[in-house]
Amino acid sequence: MERFRAVVENRHQYARDWKARTNGKVMGYLCPTMPEELIYAAGVLPVRLLSRYEPDDVSERYLPPGACPNSRNILLQLAKGRYDYLDGVGCSWGCDWLRHTFSSWQIHGNTPYNYNIFVPVFAQGRQAKTLLQGELEIFKESLEEWTGNTVTEQALD
């Protein structure tokens, strides 16, 4: 547990060190339903974007006044360079505010790869399963094109 605690407390440095050590790509993501398994299988380190409260002098320019504090602060963290090691940012159609945050980042951010995957909220029924399978396949192909790596069944294990 101590190792895990150290990584969480120094998550930005861990990601920077991992990137330098592996010469790999790092992808931040906004929503908990982002398919991390595909990101890992593509040889990319996924990093959940988290807020950290601090006075905000940035996000009000990009998000409406009613935006939730979490979304505002994540955008602030991105804009202030806290996640300057990211090569990409992803969103999986979470709440409206996280989608707005992602859209703002796509327009004003500086990551070369940005991807928005639709993950159905209600996963019951054949249509949801078919839709999700199609979305995952398209995301897999996009990751492969971006990284130059092939996502294999073995890498997904």
Protein backbone atom coordinates (compact mmCIF):
# COMPACT_ATOMS: atom_id res chain seq x y z
CA MET A 1 0.00 0.00 0.00
CA GLU A 2 2.87 2.37 0.66
CA ARG A 3 3.99 2.22 -2.98
CA PHE A 4 0.44 2.91 -4.14
CA ARG A 5 0.13 5.86 -1.75
CA ALA A 6 3.43 7.31 -2.99
CA VAL A 7 2.33 7.09 -6.63
CA VAL A 8 -1.03 8.72 -5.89
CA GLU A 9 0.55 11.54 -3.89
CA ASN A 10 3.14 12.18 -6.61
CA ARG A 11 1.05 11.19 -9.60
CA HIS A 12 2.29 13.92 -11.95
CA GLN A 13 5.93 13.09 -11.28
CA TYR A 14 5.20 9.36 -11.64
CA ALA A 15 3.66 9.97 -15.08
CA ARG A 16 6.57 12.19 -16.16
CA ASP A 17 9.08 9.58 -14.98
CA TRP A 18 7.15 6.77 -16.70
CA LYS A 19 7.08 8.76 -19.94
CA ALA A 20 10.83 9.46 -19.78
CA ARG A 21 11.67 5.87 -18.85
CA THR A 22 9.52 4.21 -21.53
CA ASN A 23 9.44 6.93 -24.18
CA GLY A 24 5.71 6.20 -24.17
CA LYS A 25 2.63 8.34 -24.49
CA VAL A 26 0.41 9.48 -21.61
CA MET A 27 -3.32 10.05 -22.03
CA GLY A 28 -5.44 11.90 -19.49
CA TYR A 29 -9.12 11.11 -19.24
CA LEU A 30 -12.06 12.88 -17.67
CA CYS A 31 -14.72 10.24 -17.08
CA PRO A 32 -14.56 7.02 -15.06
CA THR A 33 -16.12 5.04 -17.92
CA MET A 34 -13.15 5.67 -20.24
CA PRO A 35 -11.99 2.23 -21.46
CA GLU A 36 -8.57 2.18 -19.77
CA GLU A 37 -8.00 -1.39 -20.94
CA LEU A 38 -7.68 -0.25 -24.56
CA ILE A 39 -5.40 2.62 -23.57
CA TYR A 40 -3.08 0.28 -21.65
CA ALA A 41 -3.18 -2.28 -24.48
CA ALA A 42 -2.03 0.43 -26.92
CA GLY A 43 1.05 0.98 -24.75
CA VAL A 44 -0.22 4.28 -23.35
CA LEU A 45 -0.36 5.24 -19.67
CA PRO A 46 -3.88 6.39 -18.76
CA VAL A 47 -4.10 9.12 -16.10
CA ARG A 48 -7.42 10.12 -14.54
CA LEU A 49 -7.74 13.90 -14.55
CA LEU A 50 -8.63 15.05 -11.05
CA SER A 51 -9.42 18.43 -9.61
CA ARG A 52 -7.44 20.06 -6.83
CA TYR A 53 -8.99 23.11 -5.33
CA GLU A 54 -7.19 26.38 -5.85
CA PRO A 55 -8.40 29.88 -6.71
CA ASP A 56 -9.74 29.87 -10.25
CA ASP A 57 -8.84 32.69 -12.59
CA VAL A 58 -9.13 30.74 -15.83
CA SER A 59 -12.18 28.51 -16.26
CA GLU A 60 -14.83 31.24 -16.21
CA ARG A 61 -13.54 32.28 -19.64
CA TYR A 62 -14.31 28.84 -21.07
CA LEU A 63 -17.19 27.36 -19.05
CA PRO A 64 -20.59 28.83 -18.17
CA PRO A 65 -21.09 30.25 -14.65
CA GLY A 66 -23.13 27.22 -13.51
CA ALA A 67 -20.43 24.66 -14.35
CA CYS A 68 -19.63 22.27 -11.53
CA PRO A 69 -16.50 22.98 -9.44
CA ASN A 70 -14.90 19.66 -10.43
CA SER A 71 -15.10 20.41 -14.16
CA ARG A 72 -13.95 23.98 -13.67
CA ASN A 73 -10.97 22.90 -11.63
CA ILE A 74 -9.91 20.16 -14.04
CA LEU A 75 -9.89 22.73 -16.85
CA LEU A 76 -7.90 25.06 -14.59
CA GLN A 77 -5.36 22.28 -13.87
CA LEU A 78 -4.99 21.61 -17.60
CA ALA A 79 -4.67 25.31 -18.48
CA LYS A 80 -2.07 25.95 -15.79
CA GLY A 81 0.14 23.14 -17.06
CA ARG A 82 -0.33 20.71 -14.15
CA TYR A 83 -0.82 18.01 -16.79
CA ASP A 84 1.84 19.31 -19.19
CA TYR A 85 3.13 15.79 -19.77
CA LEU A 86 -0.07 14.62 -21.51
CA ASP A 87 0.06 13.57 -25.14
CA GLY A 88 -3.70 13.13 -25.33
CA VAL A 89 -6.97 13.70 -23.50
CA GLY A 90 -10.06 11.52 -23.64
CA CYS A 91 -13.67 11.82 -22.60
CA SER A 92 -16.31 9.10 -22.46
CA TRP A 93 -19.50 11.11 -22.49
CA GLY A 94 -19.87 11.54 -18.75
CA CYS A 95 -21.79 14.47 -17.38
CA ASP A 96 -22.55 17.58 -19.42
CA TRP A 97 -19.92 19.63 -17.60
CA LEU A 98 -17.09 17.19 -18.26
CA ARG A 99 -18.09 17.15 -21.94
CA HIS A 100 -17.94 20.97 -21.94
CA THR A 101 -14.53 20.78 -20.27
CA PHE A 102 -13.34 18.36 -22.95
CA SER A 103 -14.72 20.55 -25.75
CA SER A 104 -12.97 23.59 -24.30
CA TRP A 105 -9.73 21.64 -24.09
CA GLN A 106 -10.07 20.48 -27.70
CA ILE A 107 -10.35 24.11 -28.80
CA HIS A 108 -7.83 25.77 -26.48
CA GLY A 109 -5.56 22.94 -25.32
CA ASN A 110 -2.27 21.70 -26.67
CA THR A 111 -2.46 17.92 -26.71
CA PRO A 112 -1.96 16.39 -30.16
CA TYR A 113 -4.52 13.62 -29.58
CA ASN A 114 -8.04 14.13 -28.21
CA TYR A 115 -10.78 11.52 -28.33
CA ASN A 116 -14.41 11.48 -27.26
CA ILE A 117 -15.93 8.00 -27.06
CA PHE A 118 -19.63 7.47 -26.55
CA VAL A 119 -20.27 4.96 -23.77
CA PRO A 120 -23.99 4.21 -23.31
CA VAL A 121 -25.29 5.01 -19.84
CA PHE A 122 -27.93 2.30 -19.99
CA ALA A 123 -26.14 -0.84 -21.12
CA GLN A 124 -29.21 -3.08 -21.21
CA GLY A 125 -30.37 -4.48 -24.49
CA ARG A 126 -28.86 -5.54 -27.77
CA GLN A 127 -28.63 -2.03 -29.22
CA ALA A 128 -26.48 -0.73 -26.37
CA LYS A 129 -24.11 -3.68 -26.64
CA THR A 130 -23.83 -3.30 -30.42
CA LEU A 131 -23.27 0.45 -30.09
CA LEU A 132 -20.59 0.02 -27.42
CA GLN A 133 -18.79 -2.68 -29.44
CA GLY A 134 -18.70 -0.36 -32.44
CA GLU A 135 -17.44 2.58 -30.36
CA LEU A 136 -14.72 0.43 -28.78
CA GLU A 137 -13.57 -0.81 -32.19
CA ILE A 138 -13.34 2.74 -33.56
CA PHE A 139 -11.46 3.90 -30.43
CA LYS A 140 -9.07 0.93 -30.75
CA GLU A 141 -8.34 1.83 -34.37
CA SER A 142 -7.80 5.47 -33.43
CA LEU A 143 -5.37 4.51 -30.65
CA GLU A 144 -3.48 2.22 -33.04
CA GLU A 145 -3.17 4.99 -35.62
CA TRP A 146 -2.03 7.51 -32.97
CA THR A 147 0.52 5.25 -31.29
CA GLY A 148 1.66 3.07 -34.16
CA ASN A 149 1.03 0.06 -31.88
CA THR A 150 -1.35 -2.80 -32.51
CA VAL A 151 -3.87 -3.57 -29.78
CA THR A 152 -3.83 -7.36 -29.55
CA GLU A 153 -5.95 -9.83 -27.59
CA GLN A 154 -2.80 -10.69 -25.63
CA ALA A 155 -2.26 -7.02 -24.72
CA LEU A 156 -5.86 -6.86 -23.49
CA ASP A 157 -5.34 -9.81 -21.12
